Amino acid sequence: MYLIHAALRAPSAGDRLPPHIAELVRALADPDSTVEHVSAHLRAEPDPVLGVYLLAGSLSEAERRTEALCRRALDVLPALRGWTATRACAPLVAPYYERLLTAASGLDGRNRPGPIPSSRMPFSPR
């Protein structure tokens, strides 16, 4: 299964996607398309994002099929009139983990497991 993020650009700065857009886009998928789930990240920056979970033979196939689904949604759904798709690709998680490494988390800014909650003994990886 692949997660593909499809970014959508609003026709004007104040336009927002409706909260039920994920359900509308999911309903457009063919029953045999293997689209498992669609989620919407309405406040993503710089553009809102649809997260499409689907089964595919390869990453490039998943990206192509997600792009096709989004283009169909842009053509068919009145809620998306004037919106454009800017990209459809797998999200990168590296920036998230890099941010975790530099963020202060827990005691003394450590970014590692603390004591085992049930015993309060220090965690010691072996």
C-alpha atoms as a PDB file:
ATOM      1  CA  MET A   1       0.000   0.000   0.000  1.00  0.00           C
ATOM      2  CA  TYR A   2       1.176   3.483  -0.848  1.00  0.00           C
ATOM      3  CA  LEU A   3       0.341   6.859   0.629  1.00  0.00           C
ATOM      4  CA  ILE A   4       0.416   9.573  -2.001  1.00  0.00           C
ATOM      5  CA  HIS A   5      -0.053  13.233  -1.154  1.00  0.00           C
ATOM      6  CA  ALA A   6      -1.832  15.349  -3.756  1.00  0.00           C
ATOM      7  CA  ALA A   7      -1.505  19.090  -3.202  1.00  0.00           C
ATOM      8  CA  LEU A   8      -4.344  21.304  -4.389  1.00  0.00           C
ATOM      9  CA  ARG A   9      -4.003  25.027  -5.013  1.00  0.00           C
ATOM     10  CA  ALA A  10      -6.974  27.305  -4.375  1.00  0.00           C
ATOM     11  CA  PRO A  11      -8.241  29.621  -7.096  1.00  0.00           C
ATOM     12  CA  SER A  12      -7.853  32.558  -4.700  1.00  0.00           C
ATOM     13  CA  ALA A  13      -6.178  33.113  -1.355  1.00  0.00           C
ATOM     14  CA  GLY A  14      -9.323  32.946   0.792  1.00  0.00           C
ATOM     15  CA  ASP A  15     -10.767  29.754  -0.703  1.00  0.00           C
ATOM     16  CA  ARG A  16     -10.920  26.662   1.511  1.00  0.00           C
ATOM     17  CA  LEU A  17     -11.685  23.041   0.771  1.00  0.00           C
ATOM     18  CA  PRO A  18     -14.927  21.777   2.270  1.00  0.00           C
ATOM     19  CA  PRO A  19     -14.422  19.510   5.295  1.00  0.00           C
ATOM     20  CA  HIS A  20     -16.050  16.550   3.491  1.00  0.00           C
ATOM     21  CA  ILE A  21     -13.785  16.718   0.404  1.00  0.00           C
ATOM     22  CA  ALA A  22     -12.042  13.425   1.228  1.00  0.00           C
ATOM     23  CA  GLU A  23     -15.346  11.543   1.091  1.00  0.00           C
ATOM     24  CA  LEU A  24     -16.276  13.222  -2.189  1.00  0.00           C
ATOM     25  CA  VAL A  25     -12.958  12.292  -3.813  1.00  0.00           C
ATOM     26  CA  ARG A  26     -13.083   8.724  -2.452  1.00  0.00           C
ATOM     27  CA  ALA A  27     -16.560   8.294  -3.935  1.00  0.00           C
ATOM     28  CA  LEU A  28     -15.146   9.111  -7.389  1.00  0.00           C
ATOM     29  CA  ALA A  29     -12.690   6.205  -7.295  1.00  0.00           C
ATOM     30  CA  ASP A  30     -13.737   3.201  -9.344  1.00  0.00           C
ATOM     31  CA  PRO A  31     -14.776   0.257  -7.155  1.00  0.00           C
ATOM     32  CA  ASP A  32     -11.911  -1.822  -8.580  1.00  0.00           C
ATOM     33  CA  SER A  33      -9.304   0.979  -8.355  1.00  0.00           C
ATOM     34  CA  THR A  34      -7.831  -0.293  -5.055  1.00  0.00           C
ATOM     35  CA  VAL A  35      -8.091   3.162  -3.481  1.00  0.00           C
ATOM     36  CA  GLU A  36      -8.377   2.200   0.165  1.00  0.00           C
ATOM     37  CA  HIS A  37      -8.816   5.556   1.868  1.00  0.00           C
ATOM     38  CA  VAL A  38      -8.641   9.309   1.250  1.00  0.00           C
ATOM     39  CA  SER A  39      -7.893  11.842   3.967  1.00  0.00           C
ATOM     40  CA  ALA A  40      -7.759  15.622   3.770  1.00  0.00           C
ATOM     41  CA  HIS A  41      -5.189  17.879   5.397  1.00  0.00           C
ATOM     42  CA  LEU A  42      -7.128  21.105   5.023  1.00  0.00           C
ATOM     43  CA  ARG A  43      -4.596  23.353   6.747  1.00  0.00           C
ATOM     44  CA  ALA A  44      -1.416  22.005   5.156  1.00  0.00           C
ATOM     45  CA  GLU A  45       1.004  24.671   3.948  1.00  0.00           C
ATOM     46  CA  PRO A  46       1.488  26.030   1.379  1.00  0.00           C
ATOM     47  CA  ASP A  47      -1.505  24.143  -0.100  1.00  0.00           C
ATOM     48  CA  PRO A  48      -4.144  21.737   1.252  1.00  0.00           C
ATOM     49  CA  VAL A  49      -3.299  18.072   0.677  1.00  0.00           C
ATOM     50  CA  LEU A  50      -5.309  14.961  -0.056  1.00  0.00           C
ATOM     51  CA  GLY A  51      -3.712  11.794   1.300  1.00  0.00           C
ATOM     52  CA  VAL A  52      -4.642   8.868  -0.942  1.00  0.00           C
ATOM     53  CA  TYR A  53      -3.943   5.343   0.304  1.00  0.00           C
ATOM     54  CA  LEU A  54      -3.969   2.814  -2.517  1.00  0.00           C
ATOM     55  CA  LEU A  55      -2.634  -0.525  -3.618  1.00  0.00           C
ATOM     56  CA  ALA A  56      -0.369  -0.392  -6.664  1.00  0.00           C
ATOM     57  CA  GLY A  57       2.436  -2.353  -8.282  1.00  0.00           C
ATOM     58  CA  SER A  58       4.941   0.492  -7.906  1.00  0.00           C
ATOM     59  CA  LEU A  59       5.351   3.963  -6.499  1.00  0.00           C
ATOM     60  CA  SER A  60       5.177   5.555  -9.948  1.00  0.00           C
ATOM     61  CA  GLU A  61       1.929   3.703 -10.685  1.00  0.00           C
ATOM     62  CA  ALA A  62       0.468   4.878  -7.364  1.00  0.00           C
ATOM     63  CA  GLU A  63       1.447   8.473  -8.140  1.00  0.00           C
ATOM     64  CA  ARG A  64      -0.043   8.283 -11.655  1.00  0.00           C
ATOM     65  CA  ARG A  65      -3.301   6.815 -10.410  1.00  0.00           C
ATOM     66  CA  THR A  66      -3.576   9.390  -7.628  1.00  0.00           C
ATOM     67  CA  GLU A  67      -2.964  12.186 -10.107  1.00  0.00           C
ATOM     68  CA  ALA A  68      -5.675  10.753 -12.407  1.00  0.00           C
ATOM     69  CA  LEU A  69      -8.147  10.546  -9.508  1.00  0.00           C
ATOM     70  CA  CYS A  70      -7.424  14.146  -8.507  1.00  0.00           C
ATOM     71  CA  ARG A  71      -7.758  15.399 -12.077  1.00  0.00           C
ATOM     72  CA  ARG A  72     -11.110  13.642 -12.331  1.00  0.00           C
ATOM     73  CA  ALA A  73     -12.189  15.243  -9.050  1.00  0.00           C
ATOM     74  CA  LEU A  74     -11.111  18.671 -10.308  1.00  0.00           C
ATOM     75  CA  ASP A  75     -13.166  18.143 -13.468  1.00  0.00           C
ATOM     76  CA  VAL A  76     -16.292  16.705 -11.813  1.00  0.00           C
ATOM     77  CA  LEU A  77     -16.731  18.103  -8.307  1.00  0.00           C
ATOM     78  CA  PRO A  78     -18.314  21.562  -8.015  1.00  0.00           C
ATOM     79  CA  ALA A  79     -16.482  22.039  -4.682  1.00  0.00           C
ATOM     80  CA  LEU A  80     -13.176  21.918  -6.616  1.00  0.00           C
ATOM     81  CA  ARG A  81     -14.124  24.294  -9.430  1.00  0.00           C
ATOM     82  CA  GLY A  82     -11.123  26.512 -10.127  1.00  0.00           C
ATOM     83  CA  TRP A  83      -8.704  24.477  -7.981  1.00  0.00           C
ATOM     84  CA  THR A  84      -5.553  22.982  -9.528  1.00  0.00           C
ATOM     85  CA  ALA A  85      -3.404  19.994  -8.626  1.00  0.00           C
ATOM     86  CA  THR A  86       0.219  20.997  -8.075  1.00  0.00           C
ATOM     87  CA  ARG A  87       1.786  17.603  -7.304  1.00  0.00           C
ATOM     88  CA  ALA A  88       1.050  13.974  -6.478  1.00  0.00           C
ATOM     89  CA  CYS A  89       3.931  12.191  -4.790  1.00  0.00           C
ATOM     90  CA  ALA A  90       4.894  10.108  -1.791  1.00  0.00           C
ATOM     91  CA  PRO A  91       5.494  12.296   1.280  1.00  0.00           C
ATOM     92  CA  LEU A  92       9.031  12.511   2.574  1.00  0.00           C
ATOM     93  CA  VAL A  93       9.429  11.675   6.230  1.00  0.00           C
ATOM     94  CA  ALA A  94      13.101  12.610   6.533  1.00  0.00           C
ATOM     95  CA  PRO A  95      12.379  16.276   7.425  1.00  0.00           C
ATOM     96  CA  TYR A  96      10.104  15.107  10.235  1.00  0.00           C
ATOM     97  CA  TYR A  97      12.819  12.930  11.769  1.00  0.00           C
ATOM     98  CA  GLU A  98      15.471  15.595  11.295  1.00  0.00           C
ATOM     99  CA  ARG A  99      13.244  18.046  13.160  1.00  0.00           C
ATOM    100  CA  LEU A 100      12.841  15.516  15.979  1.00  0.00           C
ATOM    101  CA  LEU A 101      16.605  15.226  16.324  1.00  0.00           C
ATOM    102  CA  THR A 102      17.036  18.963  16.793  1.00  0.00           C
ATOM    103  CA  ALA A 103      13.935  19.558  18.931  1.00  0.00           C
ATOM    104  CA  ALA A 104      13.969  19.704  22.684  1.00  0.00           C
ATOM    105  CA  SER A 105      11.957  16.715  23.820  1.00  0.00           C
ATOM    106  CA  GLY A 106      11.710  15.434  27.316  1.00  0.00           C
ATOM    107  CA  LEU A 107      14.287  16.042  30.025  1.00  0.00           C
ATOM    108  CA  ASP A 108      17.386  17.960  28.994  1.00  0.00           C
ATOM    109  CA  GLY A 109      16.281  17.900  25.342  1.00  0.00           C
ATOM    110  CA  ARG A 110      17.014  14.188  25.047  1.00  0.00           C
ATOM    111  CA  ASN A 111      15.425  12.473  22.106  1.00  0.00           C
ATOM    112  CA  ARG A 112      15.551   8.894  23.235  1.00  0.00           C
ATOM    113  CA  PRO A 113      13.468   6.551  25.361  1.00  0.00           C
ATOM    114  CA  GLY A 114      13.119   7.430  28.984  1.00  0.00           C
ATOM    115  CA  PRO A 115      12.609   4.991  31.825  1.00  0.00           C
ATOM    116  CA  ILE A 116      10.353   2.006  31.244  1.00  0.00           C
ATOM    117  CA  PRO A 117       6.976   3.257  32.543  1.00  0.00           C
ATOM    118  CA  SER A 118       6.006   0.060  34.365  1.00  0.00           C
ATOM    119  CA  SER A 119       9.242  -0.337  36.342  1.00  0.00           C
ATOM    120  CA  ARG A 120      10.838   3.146  36.232  1.00  0.00           C
ATOM    121  CA  MET A 121      14.089   1.367  35.346  1.00  0.00           C
ATOM    122  CA  PRO A 122      16.308   3.084  32.770  1.00  0.00           C
ATOM    123  CA  PHE A 123      15.959   1.843  29.243  1.00  0.00           C
ATOM    124  CA  SER A 124      19.107   0.038  28.127  1.00  0.00           C
ATOM    125  CA  PRO A 125      19.178  -1.108  24.503  1.00  0.00           C
ATOM    126  CA  ARG A 126      21.269  -4.219  23.954  1.00  0.00           C
END
